[in-house]
Amino acid sequence: MTGRIVILNGAPRAGKSSIAAAMQTDLPGHWINLGVDAQNRSLPPHLRPGIGLRPGGERPDLEPMVRPLFLALYASIAAHARAGFDVAADVGHHDHYSQPLGILRECARSLHGLDALFVGVHCPIETIMARRNADADSLYVKGEGVPAPVQRWQDAVHVPGIYDLEVNTGAMTPAACAQAIGAALAAPPRPSAFARLAEIGPTP
């Protein structure tokens, strides 16, 4: 029996990792947490931020690695599910590179035949900035107001907006998000978001 897959898509500091942790403690099953943070910990410095490369086309030198890194991650997600594990993966999909890469469509196709739920994790930008400014990690852009890179994430990460479920961490706790995901897993929409995304044609 294959495991279930939940892909949590949202901007950095939207609360995806906290939702994944809540799923591990609150939902039945054996949930493995994969995604951008787990993959980045495995990368050499010259490949970082890997699939976490932010919108704006700032690193065209790194872009050739983003697609294969995403596809490798999704191959691992699929392999874990086929081995019977449930997978919660936190990612930030967008197509605002120096040129469109069409990665989300390919990732959706790689999960064909698997039970996969695509969840949009929304968070008010004011809350995201408060979390960034409170975080000691120098990885995150901080400052007064909303820096341009943070706004670009907010604008790009939920395009085209095709999801099975959407949650708002500005109004919901991680536990409440996990419960909503559990309910969606019990009665998944058909066709799934990934089935619809797999049919989207290439960007002109």
C-alpha atoms as a PDB file:
ATOM      1  CA  MET A   1       0.000   0.000   0.000  1.00  0.00           C
ATOM      2  CA  THR A   2       1.439   3.353  -1.007  1.00  0.00           C
ATOM      3  CA  GLY A   3       1.715   6.262   1.386  1.00  0.00           C
ATOM      4  CA  ARG A   4       0.035   9.622   1.112  1.00  0.00           C
ATOM      5  CA  ILE A   5       1.803  12.792  -0.065  1.00  0.00           C
ATOM      6  CA  VAL A   6       1.113  16.341   1.080  1.00  0.00           C
ATOM      7  CA  ILE A   7       3.012  19.145  -0.668  1.00  0.00           C
ATOM      8  CA  LEU A   8       2.921  22.372   1.349  1.00  0.00           C
ATOM      9  CA  ASN A   9       3.530  25.331  -0.955  1.00  0.00           C
ATOM     10  CA  GLY A  10       4.128  28.845   0.316  1.00  0.00           C
ATOM     11  CA  ALA A  11       6.574  31.669   0.879  1.00  0.00           C
ATOM     12  CA  PRO A  12       9.467  31.355   3.344  1.00  0.00           C
ATOM     13  CA  ARG A  13       8.307  31.899   6.953  1.00  0.00           C
ATOM     14  CA  ALA A  14       4.675  31.196   6.027  1.00  0.00           C
ATOM     15  CA  GLY A  15       4.617  28.337   8.544  1.00  0.00           C
ATOM     16  CA  LYS A  16       5.049  25.271   6.325  1.00  0.00           C
ATOM     17  CA  SER A  17       7.578  23.524   8.573  1.00  0.00           C
ATOM     18  CA  SER A  18       5.370  24.026  11.623  1.00  0.00           C
ATOM     19  CA  ILE A  19       2.445  22.457   9.774  1.00  0.00           C
ATOM     20  CA  ALA A  20       4.600  19.491   8.745  1.00  0.00           C
ATOM     21  CA  ALA A  21       5.663  19.005  12.371  1.00  0.00           C
ATOM     22  CA  ALA A  22       2.024  19.150  13.506  1.00  0.00           C
ATOM     23  CA  MET A  23       1.124  16.535  10.904  1.00  0.00           C
ATOM     24  CA  GLN A  24       3.788  14.230  12.295  1.00  0.00           C
ATOM     25  CA  THR A  25       2.377  14.468  15.803  1.00  0.00           C
ATOM     26  CA  ASP A  26      -1.358  14.825  15.143  1.00  0.00           C
ATOM     27  CA  LEU A  27      -2.214  12.736  12.068  1.00  0.00           C
ATOM     28  CA  PRO A  28      -2.220   8.940  11.849  1.00  0.00           C
ATOM     29  CA  GLY A  29       0.517   7.401   9.736  1.00  0.00           C
ATOM     30  CA  HIS A  30       4.285   7.484   9.427  1.00  0.00           C
ATOM     31  CA  TRP A  31       4.982  11.009   8.159  1.00  0.00           C
ATOM     32  CA  ILE A  32       8.410  11.739   6.695  1.00  0.00           C
ATOM     33  CA  ASN A  33       9.256  15.450   6.410  1.00  0.00           C
ATOM     34  CA  LEU A  34      11.050  16.262   3.153  1.00  0.00           C
ATOM     35  CA  GLY A  35      11.324  19.542   1.290  1.00  0.00           C
ATOM     36  CA  VAL A  36      13.435  22.632   0.748  1.00  0.00           C
ATOM     37  CA  ASP A  37      14.984  22.780   4.222  1.00  0.00           C
ATOM     38  CA  ALA A  38      15.881  19.084   4.300  1.00  0.00           C
ATOM     39  CA  GLN A  39      17.361  19.223   0.811  1.00  0.00           C
ATOM     40  CA  ASN A  40      19.325  22.414   1.455  1.00  0.00           C
ATOM     41  CA  ARG A  41      21.018  20.836   4.476  1.00  0.00           C
ATOM     42  CA  SER A  42      22.420  18.221   2.109  1.00  0.00           C
ATOM     43  CA  LEU A  43      23.757  20.660  -0.498  1.00  0.00           C
ATOM     44  CA  PRO A  44      27.282  22.010  -0.841  1.00  0.00           C
ATOM     45  CA  PRO A  45      27.528  25.786  -0.386  1.00  0.00           C
ATOM     46  CA  HIS A  46      27.867  26.537  -4.108  1.00  0.00           C
ATOM     47  CA  LEU A  47      24.440  24.986  -4.833  1.00  0.00           C
ATOM     48  CA  ARG A  48      22.545  26.837  -2.127  1.00  0.00           C
ATOM     49  CA  PRO A  49      19.805  27.997  -1.877  1.00  0.00           C
ATOM     50  CA  GLY A  50      18.941  25.242  -4.344  1.00  0.00           C
ATOM     51  CA  ILE A  51      15.189  24.922  -4.882  1.00  0.00           C
ATOM     52  CA  GLY A  52      14.762  27.823  -2.457  1.00  0.00           C
ATOM     53  CA  LEU A  53      16.086  30.243  -5.086  1.00  0.00           C
ATOM     54  CA  ARG A  54      13.838  33.265  -4.733  1.00  0.00           C
ATOM     55  CA  PRO A  55      11.836  34.911  -7.520  1.00  0.00           C
ATOM     56  CA  GLY A  56      13.428  37.644  -9.581  1.00  0.00           C
ATOM     57  CA  GLY A  57      16.025  35.957 -11.789  1.00  0.00           C
ATOM     58  CA  GLU A  58      18.904  37.074  -9.555  1.00  0.00           C
ATOM     59  CA  ARG A  59      20.993  33.896  -9.993  1.00  0.00           C
ATOM     60  CA  PRO A  60      20.850  32.719 -13.625  1.00  0.00           C
ATOM     61  CA  ASP A  61      24.072  30.826 -12.931  1.00  0.00           C
ATOM     62  CA  LEU A  62      22.209  28.622 -10.422  1.00  0.00           C
ATOM     63  CA  GLU A  63      18.983  28.199 -12.389  1.00  0.00           C
ATOM     64  CA  PRO A  64      20.189  25.177 -14.440  1.00  0.00           C
ATOM     65  CA  MET A  65      20.419  23.257 -11.152  1.00  0.00           C
ATOM     66  CA  VAL A  66      16.973  24.214  -9.830  1.00  0.00           C
ATOM     67  CA  ARG A  67      14.952  21.988 -12.165  1.00  0.00           C
ATOM     68  CA  PRO A  68      16.977  18.789 -11.577  1.00  0.00           C
ATOM     69  CA  LEU A  69      17.033  19.455  -7.827  1.00  0.00           C
ATOM     70  CA  PHE A  70      13.242  19.810  -7.764  1.00  0.00           C
ATOM     71  CA  LEU A  71      12.794  16.658  -9.844  1.00  0.00           C
ATOM     72  CA  ALA A  72      15.230  14.747  -7.611  1.00  0.00           C
ATOM     73  CA  LEU A  73      13.261  15.852  -4.549  1.00  0.00           C
ATOM     74  CA  TYR A  74       9.971  14.760  -6.089  1.00  0.00           C
ATOM     75  CA  ALA A  75      11.518  11.433  -7.122  1.00  0.00           C
ATOM     76  CA  SER A  76      12.496  10.905  -3.477  1.00  0.00           C
ATOM     77  CA  ILE A  77       8.994  11.884  -2.334  1.00  0.00           C
ATOM     78  CA  ALA A  78       7.488   9.366  -4.751  1.00  0.00           C
ATOM     79  CA  ALA A  79       9.950   6.658  -3.688  1.00  0.00           C
ATOM     80  CA  HIS A  80       9.087   7.138  -0.011  1.00  0.00           C
ATOM     81  CA  ALA A  81       5.366   6.959  -0.804  1.00  0.00           C
ATOM     82  CA  ARG A  82       5.800   3.804  -2.879  1.00  0.00           C
ATOM     83  CA  ALA A  83       7.675   2.286   0.067  1.00  0.00           C
ATOM     84  CA  GLY A  84       4.602   2.902   2.220  1.00  0.00           C
ATOM     85  CA  PHE A  85       5.609   6.093   4.017  1.00  0.00           C
ATOM     86  CA  ASP A  86       3.479   9.226   4.227  1.00  0.00           C
ATOM     87  CA  VAL A  87       5.353  12.353   3.109  1.00  0.00           C
ATOM     88  CA  ALA A  88       4.914  16.013   4.062  1.00  0.00           C
ATOM     89  CA  ALA A  89       7.110  18.239   1.895  1.00  0.00           C
ATOM     90  CA  ASP A  90       7.537  22.001   2.276  1.00  0.00           C
ATOM     91  CA  VAL A  91       8.375  23.877  -0.908  1.00  0.00           C
ATOM     92  CA  GLY A  92       8.091  27.293  -2.533  1.00  0.00           C
ATOM     93  CA  HIS A  93       7.141  26.811  -6.185  1.00  0.00           C
ATOM     94  CA  HIS A  94       7.332  29.771  -8.544  1.00  0.00           C
ATOM     95  CA  ASP A  95       8.254  30.383 -12.163  1.00  0.00           C
ATOM     96  CA  HIS A  96       9.783  33.848 -11.845  1.00  0.00           C
ATOM     97  CA  TYR A  97      13.336  32.967 -12.855  1.00  0.00           C
ATOM     98  CA  SER A  98      15.310  34.772 -15.552  1.00  0.00           C
ATOM     99  CA  GLN A  99      13.144  32.701 -17.919  1.00  0.00           C
ATOM    100  CA  PRO A 100      10.178  30.388 -17.184  1.00  0.00           C
ATOM    101  CA  LEU A 101      11.213  26.824 -16.331  1.00  0.00           C
ATOM    102  CA  GLY A 102       7.829  25.066 -16.048  1.00  0.00           C
ATOM    103  CA  ILE A 103       8.991  23.089 -13.019  1.00  0.00           C
ATOM    104  CA  LEU A 104       5.631  22.732 -11.255  1.00  0.00           C
ATOM    105  CA  ARG A 105       4.069  20.981 -14.247  1.00  0.00           C
ATOM    106  CA  GLU A 106       6.914  18.459 -14.400  1.00  0.00           C
ATOM    107  CA  CYS A 107       6.767  17.847 -10.657  1.00  0.00           C
ATOM    108  CA  ALA A 108       3.013  17.255 -10.880  1.00  0.00           C
ATOM    109  CA  ARG A 109       3.543  14.700 -13.636  1.00  0.00           C
ATOM    110  CA  SER A 110       6.151  12.881 -11.562  1.00  0.00           C
ATOM    111  CA  LEU A 111       3.504  12.073  -8.929  1.00  0.00           C
ATOM    112  CA  HIS A 112       1.102  10.443 -11.395  1.00  0.00           C
ATOM    113  CA  GLY A 113      -0.673   7.474  -9.833  1.00  0.00           C
ATOM    114  CA  LEU A 114       0.112   8.516  -6.259  1.00  0.00           C
ATOM    115  CA  ASP A 115      -2.230   9.941  -3.623  1.00  0.00           C
ATOM    116  CA  ALA A 116      -0.947  13.540  -3.488  1.00  0.00           C
ATOM    117  CA  LEU A 117      -2.556  16.608  -1.952  1.00  0.00           C
ATOM    118  CA  PHE A 118      -1.353  20.099  -2.955  1.00  0.00           C
ATOM    119  CA  VAL A 119      -1.845  22.627  -0.147  1.00  0.00           C
ATOM    120  CA  GLY A 120      -1.439  26.377  -0.515  1.00  0.00           C
ATOM    121  CA  VAL A 121      -0.019  27.844   2.701  1.00  0.00           C
ATOM    122  CA  HIS A 122      -0.941  31.527   2.868  1.00  0.00           C
ATOM    123  CA  CYS A 123       0.236  34.034   5.448  1.00  0.00           C
ATOM    124  CA  PRO A 124      -0.229  37.825   5.675  1.00  0.00           C
ATOM    125  CA  ILE A 125       2.947  39.601   4.670  1.00  0.00           C
ATOM    126  CA  GLU A 126       2.943  41.548   7.947  1.00  0.00           C
ATOM    127  CA  THR A 127       3.138  38.261   9.847  1.00  0.00           C
ATOM    128  CA  ILE A 128       5.880  36.986   7.562  1.00  0.00           C
ATOM    129  CA  MET A 129       7.934  40.138   8.181  1.00  0.00           C
ATOM    130  CA  ALA A 130       7.433  39.864  11.940  1.00  0.00           C
ATOM    131  CA  ARG A 131       8.708  36.276  11.816  1.00  0.00           C
ATOM    132  CA  ARG A 132      11.667  37.229   9.619  1.00  0.00           C
ATOM    133  CA  ASN A 133      12.672  40.101  11.906  1.00  0.00           C
ATOM    134  CA  ALA A 134      12.415  37.876  14.983  1.00  0.00           C
ATOM    135  CA  ASP A 135      14.495  35.096  13.431  1.00  0.00           C
ATOM    136  CA  ALA A 136      18.184  34.982  14.300  1.00  0.00           C
ATOM    137  CA  ASP A 137      18.929  33.122  11.050  1.00  0.00           C
ATOM    138  CA  SER A 138      20.790  35.470   8.695  1.00  0.00           C
ATOM    139  CA  LEU A 139      19.351  33.537   5.729  1.00  0.00           C
ATOM    140  CA  TYR A 140      16.159  35.616   5.788  1.00  0.00           C
ATOM    141  CA  VAL A 141      15.882  39.168   4.452  1.00  0.00           C
ATOM    142  CA  LYS A 142      14.796  41.478   7.274  1.00  0.00           C
ATOM    143  CA  GLY A 143      14.112  45.183   7.722  1.00  0.00           C
ATOM    144  CA  GLU A 144      11.487  47.869   7.969  1.00  0.00           C
ATOM    145  CA  GLY A 145       8.481  47.679   5.681  1.00  0.00           C
ATOM    146  CA  VAL A 146       8.466  44.928   3.044  1.00  0.00           C
ATOM    147  CA  PRO A 147      11.761  44.414   1.178  1.00  0.00           C
ATOM    148  CA  ALA A 148      11.360  43.785  -2.549  1.00  0.00           C
ATOM    149  CA  PRO A 149      12.538  40.133  -2.407  1.00  0.00           C
ATOM    150  CA  VAL A 150       9.893  39.357   0.214  1.00  0.00           C
ATOM    151  CA  GLN A 151       7.165  40.984  -1.878  1.00  0.00           C
ATOM    152  CA  ARG A 152       8.263  39.004  -4.930  1.00  0.00           C
ATOM    153  CA  TRP A 153       7.799  35.764  -2.983  1.00  0.00           C
ATOM    154  CA  GLN A 154       4.330  36.862  -1.934  1.00  0.00           C
ATOM    155  CA  ASP A 155       3.387  37.734  -5.518  1.00  0.00           C
ATOM    156  CA  ALA A 156       4.827  34.649  -7.233  1.00  0.00           C
ATOM    157  CA  VAL A 157       4.524  31.622  -4.977  1.00  0.00           C
ATOM    158  CA  HIS A 158       0.786  30.987  -5.408  1.00  0.00           C
ATOM    159  CA  VAL A 159       0.655  31.260  -9.201  1.00  0.00           C
ATOM    160  CA  PRO A 160      -1.383  29.668 -10.822  1.00  0.00           C
ATOM    161  CA  GLY A 161      -3.293  29.077  -7.573  1.00  0.00           C
ATOM    162  CA  ILE A 162      -4.528  25.533  -8.308  1.00  0.00           C
ATOM    163  CA  TYR A 163      -4.753  23.704  -4.976  1.00  0.00           C
ATOM    164  CA  ASP A 164      -6.678  20.918  -3.277  1.00  0.00           C
ATOM    165  CA  LEU A 165      -6.745  22.900  -0.040  1.00  0.00           C
ATOM    166  CA  GLU A 166      -5.670  26.353   1.133  1.00  0.00           C
ATOM    167  CA  VAL A 167      -4.830  27.343   4.707  1.00  0.00           C
ATOM    168  CA  ASN A 168      -3.957  30.689   6.293  1.00  0.00           C
ATOM    169  CA  THR A 169      -1.404  30.553   9.082  1.00  0.00           C
ATOM    170  CA  GLY A 170      -2.213  34.113  10.047  1.00  0.00           C
ATOM    171  CA  ALA A 171      -5.583  32.865  11.284  1.00  0.00           C
ATOM    172  CA  MET A 172      -4.969  29.138  11.907  1.00  0.00           C
ATOM    173  CA  THR A 173      -2.567  27.332  14.234  1.00  0.00           C
ATOM    174  CA  PRO A 174      -0.318  24.597  12.823  1.00  0.00           C
ATOM    175  CA  ALA A 175      -2.530  22.044  14.593  1.00  0.00           C
ATOM    176  CA  ALA A 176      -5.661  23.477  12.951  1.00  0.00           C
ATOM    177  CA  CYS A 177      -3.937  23.373   9.554  1.00  0.00           C
ATOM    178  CA  ALA A 178      -2.950  19.742  10.161  1.00  0.00           C
ATOM    179  CA  GLN A 179      -6.539  18.854  11.030  1.00  0.00           C
ATOM    180  CA  ALA A 180      -7.799  20.537   7.846  1.00  0.00           C
ATOM    181  CA  ILE A 181      -5.245  18.539   5.869  1.00  0.00           C
ATOM    182  CA  GLY A 182      -6.356  15.339   7.595  1.00  0.00           C
ATOM    183  CA  ALA A 183      -9.950  16.038   6.579  1.00  0.00           C
ATOM    184  CA  ALA A 184      -8.899  16.719   2.978  1.00  0.00           C
ATOM    185  CA  LEU A 185      -6.930  13.468   2.891  1.00  0.00           C
ATOM    186  CA  ALA A 186     -10.044  11.602   4.015  1.00  0.00           C
ATOM    187  CA  ALA A 187     -12.082  13.069   1.157  1.00  0.00           C
ATOM    188  CA  PRO A 188      -9.662  14.292  -1.526  1.00  0.00           C
ATOM    189  CA  PRO A 189     -11.042  16.352  -4.405  1.00  0.00           C
ATOM    190  CA  ARG A 190     -11.144  14.801  -7.848  1.00  0.00           C
ATOM    191  CA  PRO A 191      -9.540  15.575 -10.163  1.00  0.00           C
ATOM    192  CA  SER A 192      -6.657  16.470  -7.897  1.00  0.00           C
ATOM    193  CA  ALA A 193      -4.728  19.707  -8.179  1.00  0.00           C
ATOM    194  CA  PHE A 194      -1.666  17.839  -9.429  1.00  0.00           C
ATOM    195  CA  ALA A 195      -3.732  16.083 -12.104  1.00  0.00           C
ATOM    196  CA  ARG A 196      -4.923  19.495 -13.319  1.00  0.00           C
ATOM    197  CA  LEU A 197      -1.442  21.030 -13.095  1.00  0.00           C
ATOM    198  CA  ALA A 198       0.039  18.152 -15.092  1.00  0.00           C
ATOM    199  CA  GLU A 199      -2.236  19.102 -18.010  1.00  0.00           C
ATOM    200  CA  ILE A 200      -1.137  22.746 -18.148  1.00  0.00           C
ATOM    201  CA  GLY A 201       0.695  23.439 -21.402  1.00  0.00           C
ATOM    202  CA  PRO A 202       4.200  24.884 -21.584  1.00  0.00           C
ATOM    203  CA  THR A 203       4.651  28.581 -20.930  1.00  0.00           C
ATOM    204  CA  PRO A 204       4.738  30.429 -24.290  1.00  0.00           C
END
